[in-house]
Amino acid sequence: MDDQAGLEEASPEIQARIQKSFDRQGLMGHLGARISHIGPGRVHIVLPSRPEVTQQDGYFHAGATSAIADSAGGYAAFTLFPEDTSVLTVEYKVNLLAPAVGDHIEAVGTVLKAGRTLTVCRLEVFGAQDGQRKLVASGQQTLICV
């Protein structure tokens, strides 16, 4: 499954800045999440399935699903922020559309509107199994450049 074929890559400097920040996030490390794509205004985060990130029926837990969505959107916005800034989520909403199943889930954060102070992102989470992807969550997020 090569869902990132043809996606624009961010500059090496921006990729390094995003990855360095991501590596400092305790929650993402605890969950076992990793960044799979960094482009201008777009970031993908993958979370492999393991018992520690599931709920009682074996689906990915909504908390894990929304956590990687939040980070994907935040880092998508951060790709467009000036070098000497940081990013914080102001608010986000996620609708869970279907049980999140598969060998992994993938969150995609995409900037819809970049502003000087506030940036708005679309959040999507896909369940992935055997090369097939299914949209399991969708949302929107507002971030602030600090």
N, C-alpha and C. Protein backbone atom coordinates (compact mmCIF):
# COMPACT_ATOMS: atom_id res chain seq x y z
N MET A 1 0.85 -1.18 0.00
CA MET A 1 0.00 0.00 0.00
C MET A 1 0.89 1.23 0.00
N ASP A 2 0.84 2.01 -1.07
CA ASP A 2 1.66 3.21 -1.18
C ASP A 2 0.76 4.41 -1.38
N ASP A 3 0.07 4.79 -0.30
CA ASP A 3 -0.88 5.89 -0.38
C ASP A 3 -0.21 7.24 -0.44
N GLN A 4 1.12 7.29 -0.26
CA GLN A 4 1.81 8.56 -0.30
C GLN A 4 2.50 8.82 -1.63
N ALA A 5 2.33 7.93 -2.59
CA ALA A 5 2.93 8.13 -3.90
C ALA A 5 2.39 9.43 -4.49
N GLY A 6 3.28 10.27 -4.95
CA GLY A 6 2.90 11.52 -5.58
C GLY A 6 2.64 12.66 -4.62
N LEU A 7 2.74 12.43 -3.31
CA LEU A 7 2.54 13.53 -2.36
C LEU A 7 3.78 14.39 -2.30
N GLU A 8 3.56 15.70 -2.24
CA GLU A 8 4.67 16.65 -2.13
C GLU A 8 5.35 16.51 -0.78
N GLU A 9 6.66 16.52 -0.79
CA GLU A 9 7.45 16.44 0.44
C GLU A 9 7.83 17.84 0.90
N ALA A 10 7.85 18.03 2.22
CA ALA A 10 8.36 19.29 2.79
C ALA A 10 9.87 19.31 2.62
N SER A 11 10.46 20.49 2.77
CA SER A 11 11.91 20.62 2.67
C SER A 11 12.57 19.77 3.76
N PRO A 12 13.81 19.35 3.55
CA PRO A 12 14.51 18.58 4.59
C PRO A 12 14.58 19.30 5.93
N GLU A 13 14.70 20.63 5.91
CA GLU A 13 14.76 21.40 7.15
C GLU A 13 13.44 21.32 7.91
N ILE A 14 12.34 21.47 7.20
CA ILE A 14 11.03 21.40 7.84
C ILE A 14 10.77 19.97 8.32
N GLN A 15 11.11 18.99 7.52
CA GLN A 15 10.92 17.60 7.95
C GLN A 15 11.69 17.33 9.24
N ALA A 16 12.92 17.81 9.32
CA ALA A 16 13.74 17.60 10.53
C ALA A 16 13.12 18.30 11.73
N ARG A 17 12.60 19.53 11.54
CA ARG A 17 11.98 20.28 12.64
C ARG A 17 10.74 19.57 13.16
N ILE A 18 9.92 19.06 12.23
CA ILE A 18 8.70 18.35 12.62
C ILE A 18 9.05 17.05 13.35
N GLN A 19 9.98 16.29 12.79
CA GLN A 19 10.34 15.01 13.40
C GLN A 19 10.96 15.21 14.78
N LYS A 20 11.79 16.24 14.93
CA LYS A 20 12.42 16.53 16.22
C LYS A 20 11.36 16.85 17.27
N SER A 21 10.36 17.64 16.91
CA SER A 21 9.28 17.98 17.83
C SER A 21 8.45 16.73 18.15
N PHE A 22 8.12 15.97 17.14
CA PHE A 22 7.32 14.75 17.32
C PHE A 22 8.03 13.77 18.27
N ASP A 23 9.33 13.65 18.12
CA ASP A 23 10.12 12.73 18.95
C ASP A 23 10.11 13.12 20.43
N ARG A 24 9.79 14.39 20.72
CA ARG A 24 9.72 14.84 22.11
C ARG A 24 8.35 14.58 22.75
N GLN A 25 7.38 14.13 21.96
CA GLN A 25 6.03 13.89 22.49
C GLN A 25 5.99 12.54 23.20
N GLY A 26 5.81 12.58 24.48
CA GLY A 26 5.73 11.35 25.25
C GLY A 26 4.56 10.47 24.86
N LEU A 27 3.40 11.07 24.60
CA LEU A 27 2.22 10.27 24.27
C LEU A 27 2.40 9.52 22.96
N MET A 28 2.91 10.19 21.94
CA MET A 28 3.08 9.51 20.66
C MET A 28 4.05 8.33 20.79
N GLY A 29 5.12 8.53 21.56
CA GLY A 29 6.07 7.44 21.80
C GLY A 29 5.42 6.32 22.58
N HIS A 30 4.64 6.66 23.58
CA HIS A 30 3.95 5.67 24.40
C HIS A 30 2.98 4.84 23.56
N LEU A 31 2.27 5.50 22.66
CA LEU A 31 1.32 4.80 21.80
C LEU A 31 2.00 3.95 20.73
N GLY A 32 3.22 4.31 20.37
CA GLY A 32 3.91 3.61 19.28
C GLY A 32 3.63 4.21 17.92
N ALA A 33 3.20 5.48 17.89
CA ALA A 33 2.88 6.16 16.63
C ALA A 33 4.15 6.66 15.96
N ARG A 34 4.08 6.79 14.63
CA ARG A 34 5.22 7.33 13.88
C ARG A 34 4.69 8.18 12.72
N ILE A 35 5.49 9.15 12.34
CA ILE A 35 5.14 9.98 11.18
C ILE A 35 5.52 9.21 9.92
N SER A 36 4.60 9.15 8.96
CA SER A 36 4.88 8.46 7.70
C SER A 36 5.00 9.41 6.52
N HIS A 37 4.55 10.66 6.68
CA HIS A 37 4.68 11.65 5.59
C HIS A 37 4.66 13.04 6.18
N ILE A 38 5.55 13.89 5.68
CA ILE A 38 5.56 15.31 6.04
C ILE A 38 5.62 16.10 4.74
N GLY A 39 4.55 16.82 4.46
CA GLY A 39 4.49 17.68 3.28
C GLY A 39 4.06 19.06 3.71
N PRO A 40 4.13 20.04 2.82
CA PRO A 40 3.67 21.39 3.16
C PRO A 40 2.17 21.37 3.48
N GLY A 41 1.83 21.62 4.74
CA GLY A 41 0.43 21.65 5.14
C GLY A 41 -0.23 20.29 5.24
N ARG A 42 0.57 19.21 5.29
CA ARG A 42 -0.02 17.86 5.34
C ARG A 42 0.93 16.91 6.06
N VAL A 43 0.41 16.22 7.07
CA VAL A 43 1.20 15.24 7.82
C VAL A 43 0.36 13.98 8.03
N HIS A 44 1.01 12.81 7.88
CA HIS A 44 0.39 11.51 8.12
C HIS A 44 1.06 10.88 9.33
N ILE A 45 0.27 10.32 10.23
CA ILE A 45 0.79 9.59 11.39
C ILE A 45 0.14 8.21 11.40
N VAL A 46 0.99 7.18 11.56
CA VAL A 46 0.54 5.79 11.57
C VAL A 46 0.64 5.24 12.99
N LEU A 47 -0.39 4.48 13.38
CA LEU A 47 -0.39 3.81 14.67
C LEU A 47 -0.67 2.33 14.44
N PRO A 48 0.33 1.46 14.68
CA PRO A 48 0.12 0.02 14.52
C PRO A 48 -0.85 -0.51 15.58
N SER A 49 -1.57 -1.55 15.23
CA SER A 49 -2.48 -2.19 16.17
C SER A 49 -1.68 -3.00 17.19
N ARG A 50 -2.04 -2.80 18.46
CA ARG A 50 -1.52 -3.61 19.57
C ARG A 50 -2.58 -3.56 20.66
N PRO A 51 -2.60 -4.53 21.53
CA PRO A 51 -3.63 -4.56 22.57
C PRO A 51 -3.68 -3.27 23.41
N GLU A 52 -2.56 -2.62 23.60
CA GLU A 52 -2.50 -1.42 24.46
C GLU A 52 -3.24 -0.22 23.88
N VAL A 53 -3.58 -0.22 22.60
CA VAL A 53 -4.27 0.93 22.00
C VAL A 53 -5.71 0.60 21.59
N THR A 54 -6.21 -0.54 22.10
CA THR A 54 -7.57 -0.94 21.75
C THR A 54 -8.51 -0.77 22.94
N GLN A 55 -9.80 -0.85 22.63
CA GLN A 55 -10.81 -0.82 23.67
C GLN A 55 -11.29 -2.25 23.93
N GLN A 56 -12.33 -2.40 24.71
CA GLN A 56 -12.75 -3.72 25.20
C GLN A 56 -13.20 -4.69 24.10
N ASP A 57 -13.60 -4.19 22.94
CA ASP A 57 -14.05 -5.07 21.85
C ASP A 57 -12.98 -5.28 20.78
N GLY A 58 -11.78 -4.75 21.03
CA GLY A 58 -10.68 -4.97 20.09
C GLY A 58 -10.50 -3.90 19.03
N TYR A 59 -11.39 -2.90 19.00
CA TYR A 59 -11.23 -1.79 18.06
C TYR A 59 -10.18 -0.83 18.61
N PHE A 60 -9.57 -0.02 17.73
CA PHE A 60 -8.70 1.04 18.22
C PHE A 60 -9.53 1.94 19.14
N HIS A 61 -8.95 2.32 20.25
CA HIS A 61 -9.65 3.18 21.22
C HIS A 61 -9.83 4.57 20.63
N ALA A 62 -10.97 5.19 20.91
CA ALA A 62 -11.25 6.54 20.43
C ALA A 62 -10.19 7.53 20.90
N GLY A 63 -9.66 7.33 22.11
CA GLY A 63 -8.61 8.22 22.61
C GLY A 63 -7.35 8.14 21.77
N ALA A 64 -6.95 6.94 21.37
CA ALA A 64 -5.77 6.78 20.52
C ALA A 64 -6.04 7.34 19.13
N THR A 65 -7.24 7.08 18.62
CA THR A 65 -7.62 7.57 17.29
C THR A 65 -7.59 9.10 17.26
N SER A 66 -8.20 9.72 18.25
CA SER A 66 -8.25 11.18 18.25
C SER A 66 -6.90 11.80 18.60
N ALA A 67 -6.08 11.11 19.40
CA ALA A 67 -4.76 11.65 19.73
C ALA A 67 -3.87 11.75 18.50
N ILE A 68 -3.88 10.72 17.64
CA ILE A 68 -3.02 10.82 16.45
C ILE A 68 -3.61 11.80 15.44
N ALA A 69 -4.94 11.94 15.43
CA ALA A 69 -5.56 12.95 14.55
C ALA A 69 -5.14 14.35 14.98
N ASP A 70 -5.18 14.60 16.29
CA ASP A 70 -4.78 15.90 16.84
C ASP A 70 -3.32 16.21 16.47
N SER A 71 -2.45 15.24 16.64
CA SER A 71 -1.03 15.47 16.32
C SER A 71 -0.80 15.64 14.82
N ALA A 72 -1.51 14.88 14.00
CA ALA A 72 -1.34 15.02 12.55
C ALA A 72 -1.74 16.43 12.09
N GLY A 73 -2.87 16.93 12.59
CA GLY A 73 -3.28 18.28 12.25
C GLY A 73 -2.32 19.33 12.79
N GLY A 74 -1.89 19.15 14.02
CA GLY A 74 -0.95 20.10 14.61
C GLY A 74 0.34 20.19 13.82
N TYR A 75 0.88 19.05 13.43
CA TYR A 75 2.12 19.09 12.68
C TYR A 75 1.92 19.54 11.23
N ALA A 76 0.74 19.30 10.67
CA ALA A 76 0.44 19.86 9.34
C ALA A 76 0.52 21.38 9.39
N ALA A 77 -0.10 21.96 10.42
CA ALA A 77 -0.05 23.42 10.59
C ALA A 77 1.39 23.87 10.83
N PHE A 78 2.10 23.14 11.67
CA PHE A 78 3.48 23.51 12.05
C PHE A 78 4.41 23.55 10.84
N THR A 79 4.11 22.77 9.80
CA THR A 79 4.96 22.81 8.59
C THR A 79 4.93 24.18 7.93
N LEU A 80 3.88 24.96 8.21
CA LEU A 80 3.73 26.28 7.58
C LEU A 80 4.10 27.42 8.51
N PHE A 81 4.42 27.12 9.77
CA PHE A 81 4.75 28.16 10.75
C PHE A 81 6.20 28.59 10.61
N PRO A 82 6.50 29.82 11.01
CA PRO A 82 7.90 30.29 11.00
C PRO A 82 8.78 29.41 11.90
N GLU A 83 10.06 29.41 11.61
CA GLU A 83 11.02 28.53 12.28
C GLU A 83 11.07 28.69 13.79
N ASP A 84 10.96 29.90 14.28
CA ASP A 84 11.15 30.16 15.72
C ASP A 84 9.83 30.15 16.49
N THR A 85 8.84 29.36 16.05
CA THR A 85 7.54 29.31 16.70
C THR A 85 7.23 27.90 17.16
N SER A 86 6.09 27.77 17.80
CA SER A 86 5.58 26.47 18.20
C SER A 86 4.09 26.42 17.87
N VAL A 87 3.48 25.27 18.12
CA VAL A 87 2.07 25.09 17.78
C VAL A 87 1.33 24.53 18.99
N LEU A 88 0.10 25.01 19.18
CA LEU A 88 -0.79 24.49 20.21
C LEU A 88 -2.19 24.34 19.63
N THR A 89 -2.88 23.29 20.03
CA THR A 89 -4.27 23.11 19.63
C THR A 89 -5.15 24.04 20.45
N VAL A 90 -6.03 24.76 19.76
CA VAL A 90 -7.01 25.62 20.42
C VAL A 90 -8.29 24.81 20.66
N GLU A 91 -8.71 24.05 19.65
CA GLU A 91 -9.87 23.18 19.78
C GLU A 91 -9.86 22.18 18.65
N TYR A 92 -10.51 21.04 18.89
CA TYR A 92 -10.74 20.09 17.80
C TYR A 92 -11.96 19.25 18.10
N LYS A 93 -12.55 18.76 17.02
CA LYS A 93 -13.73 17.90 17.12
C LYS A 93 -13.51 16.74 16.17
N VAL A 94 -13.79 15.55 16.65
CA VAL A 94 -13.65 14.35 15.82
C VAL A 94 -14.96 13.58 15.87
N ASN A 95 -15.46 13.22 14.70
CA ASN A 95 -16.61 12.32 14.59
C ASN A 95 -16.08 10.93 14.28
N LEU A 96 -16.48 9.95 15.09
CA LEU A 96 -16.10 8.56 14.86
C LEU A 96 -17.15 7.96 13.94
N LEU A 97 -16.74 7.58 12.73
CA LEU A 97 -17.68 7.18 11.69
C LEU A 97 -17.90 5.69 11.61
N ALA A 98 -16.90 4.91 12.04
CA ALA A 98 -16.98 3.45 11.97
C ALA A 98 -15.97 2.89 12.95
N PRO A 99 -16.15 1.65 13.39
CA PRO A 99 -15.14 1.06 14.27
C PRO A 99 -13.78 1.07 13.58
N ALA A 100 -12.77 1.49 14.32
CA ALA A 100 -11.42 1.58 13.77
C ALA A 100 -10.75 0.22 13.90
N VAL A 101 -10.65 -0.47 12.78
CA VAL A 101 -10.03 -1.80 12.76
C VAL A 101 -8.95 -1.84 11.69
N GLY A 102 -8.08 -2.83 11.80
CA GLY A 102 -7.03 -3.04 10.81
C GLY A 102 -5.72 -3.33 11.48
N ASP A 103 -4.70 -3.51 10.65
CA ASP A 103 -3.38 -3.74 11.23
C ASP A 103 -2.75 -2.44 11.69
N HIS A 104 -3.30 -1.31 11.21
CA HIS A 104 -2.91 0.01 11.71
C HIS A 104 -3.98 1.02 11.33
N ILE A 105 -3.92 2.18 11.99
CA ILE A 105 -4.72 3.31 11.57
C ILE A 105 -3.76 4.41 11.14
N GLU A 106 -4.25 5.27 10.25
CA GLU A 106 -3.43 6.37 9.75
C GLU A 106 -4.22 7.66 9.83
N ALA A 107 -3.67 8.63 10.54
CA ALA A 107 -4.29 9.95 10.64
C ALA A 107 -3.64 10.87 9.61
N VAL A 108 -4.46 11.66 8.95
CA VAL A 108 -3.98 12.63 7.97
C VAL A 108 -4.51 14.00 8.39
N GLY A 109 -3.57 14.90 8.65
CA GLY A 109 -3.91 16.28 8.95
C GLY A 109 -3.60 17.14 7.75
N THR A 110 -4.56 17.96 7.33
CA THR A 110 -4.40 18.80 6.14
C THR A 110 -4.84 20.22 6.47
N VAL A 111 -3.99 21.18 6.19
CA VAL A 111 -4.33 22.59 6.44
C VAL A 111 -5.41 23.03 5.44
N LEU A 112 -6.50 23.56 5.98
CA LEU A 112 -7.55 24.14 5.15
C LEU A 112 -7.35 25.63 4.96
N LYS A 113 -6.93 26.31 6.04
CA LYS A 113 -6.71 27.76 6.00
C LYS A 113 -5.61 28.10 6.97
N ALA A 114 -4.52 28.61 6.44
CA ALA A 114 -3.40 29.05 7.28
C ALA A 114 -3.51 30.55 7.49
N GLY A 115 -3.52 30.93 8.76
CA GLY A 115 -3.57 32.35 9.09
C GLY A 115 -2.32 32.77 9.83
N ARG A 116 -2.21 34.06 10.09
CA ARG A 116 -1.04 34.59 10.81
C ARG A 116 -1.00 34.06 12.24
N THR A 117 -2.17 33.95 12.87
CA THR A 117 -2.25 33.47 14.25
C THR A 117 -2.94 32.12 14.36
N LEU A 118 -4.10 31.98 13.72
CA LEU A 118 -4.88 30.74 13.79
C LEU A 118 -4.84 30.01 12.46
N THR A 119 -4.79 28.69 12.53
CA THR A 119 -4.80 27.83 11.35
C THR A 119 -5.85 26.76 11.56
N VAL A 120 -6.61 26.44 10.51
CA VAL A 120 -7.66 25.43 10.58
C VAL A 120 -7.25 24.23 9.72
N CYS A 121 -7.42 23.03 10.30
CA CYS A 121 -7.05 21.79 9.60
C CYS A 121 -8.21 20.82 9.53
N ARG A 122 -8.20 20.02 8.47
CA ARG A 122 -9.10 18.87 8.34
C ARG A 122 -8.37 17.67 8.94
N LEU A 123 -9.08 16.85 9.69
CA LEU A 123 -8.53 15.65 10.28
C LEU A 123 -9.26 14.44 9.72
N GLU A 124 -8.50 13.43 9.26
CA GLU A 124 -9.09 12.19 8.79
C GLU A 124 -8.28 11.04 9.38
N VAL A 125 -8.98 9.98 9.77
CA VAL A 125 -8.31 8.78 10.24
C VAL A 125 -8.86 7.60 9.45
N PHE A 126 -7.95 6.77 8.95
CA PHE A 126 -8.30 5.61 8.15
C PHE A 126 -7.87 4.34 8.85
N GLY A 127 -8.71 3.33 8.82
CA GLY A 127 -8.31 2.00 9.22
C GLY A 127 -7.71 1.33 8.00
N ALA A 128 -6.60 0.62 8.18
CA ALA A 128 -5.92 0.00 7.04
C ALA A 128 -5.69 -1.48 7.30
N GLN A 129 -6.08 -2.28 6.31
CA GLN A 129 -5.91 -3.73 6.40
C GLN A 129 -5.77 -4.28 4.99
N ASP A 130 -4.74 -5.09 4.77
CA ASP A 130 -4.53 -5.77 3.49
C ASP A 130 -4.57 -4.80 2.30
N GLY A 131 -3.93 -3.66 2.45
CA GLY A 131 -3.85 -2.70 1.35
C GLY A 131 -5.09 -1.87 1.13
N GLN A 132 -6.12 -2.05 1.94
CA GLN A 132 -7.36 -1.30 1.81
C GLN A 132 -7.46 -0.30 2.95
N ARG A 133 -7.99 0.89 2.63
CA ARG A 133 -8.19 1.92 3.65
C ARG A 133 -9.67 2.26 3.74
N LYS A 134 -10.13 2.50 4.98
CA LYS A 134 -11.52 2.90 5.21
C LYS A 134 -11.52 4.08 6.16
N LEU A 135 -12.25 5.13 5.81
CA LEU A 135 -12.36 6.30 6.68
C LEU A 135 -13.14 5.91 7.94
N VAL A 136 -12.50 6.10 9.11
CA VAL A 136 -13.13 5.72 10.38
C VAL A 136 -13.41 6.93 11.27
N ALA A 137 -12.76 8.06 10.98
CA ALA A 137 -12.99 9.27 11.77
C ALA A 137 -12.69 10.49 10.93
N SER A 138 -13.42 11.57 11.21
CA SER A 138 -13.24 12.81 10.48
C SER A 138 -13.44 13.96 11.47
N GLY A 139 -12.69 15.03 11.26
CA GLY A 139 -12.85 16.15 12.17
C GLY A 139 -12.22 17.43 11.65
N GLN A 140 -12.24 18.41 12.51
CA GLN A 140 -11.66 19.72 12.20
C GLN A 140 -10.98 20.25 13.45
N GLN A 141 -9.97 21.07 13.22
CA GLN A 141 -9.12 21.54 14.31
C GLN A 141 -8.69 22.98 14.07
N THR A 142 -8.56 23.73 15.15
CA THR A 142 -7.99 25.07 15.10
C THR A 142 -6.73 25.07 15.94
N LEU A 143 -5.68 25.66 15.39
CA LEU A 143 -4.37 25.70 16.06
C LEU A 143 -3.89 27.14 16.13
N ILE A 144 -3.03 27.40 17.11
CA ILE A 144 -2.46 28.73 17.26
C ILE A 144 -0.95 28.65 17.13
N CYS A 145 -0.41 29.65 16.47
CA CYS A 145 1.05 29.79 16.32
C CYS A 145 1.54 30.59 17.52
N VAL A 146 2.43 29.99 18.30
CA VAL A 146 2.98 30.69 19.49
C VAL A 146 4.49 30.80 19.40
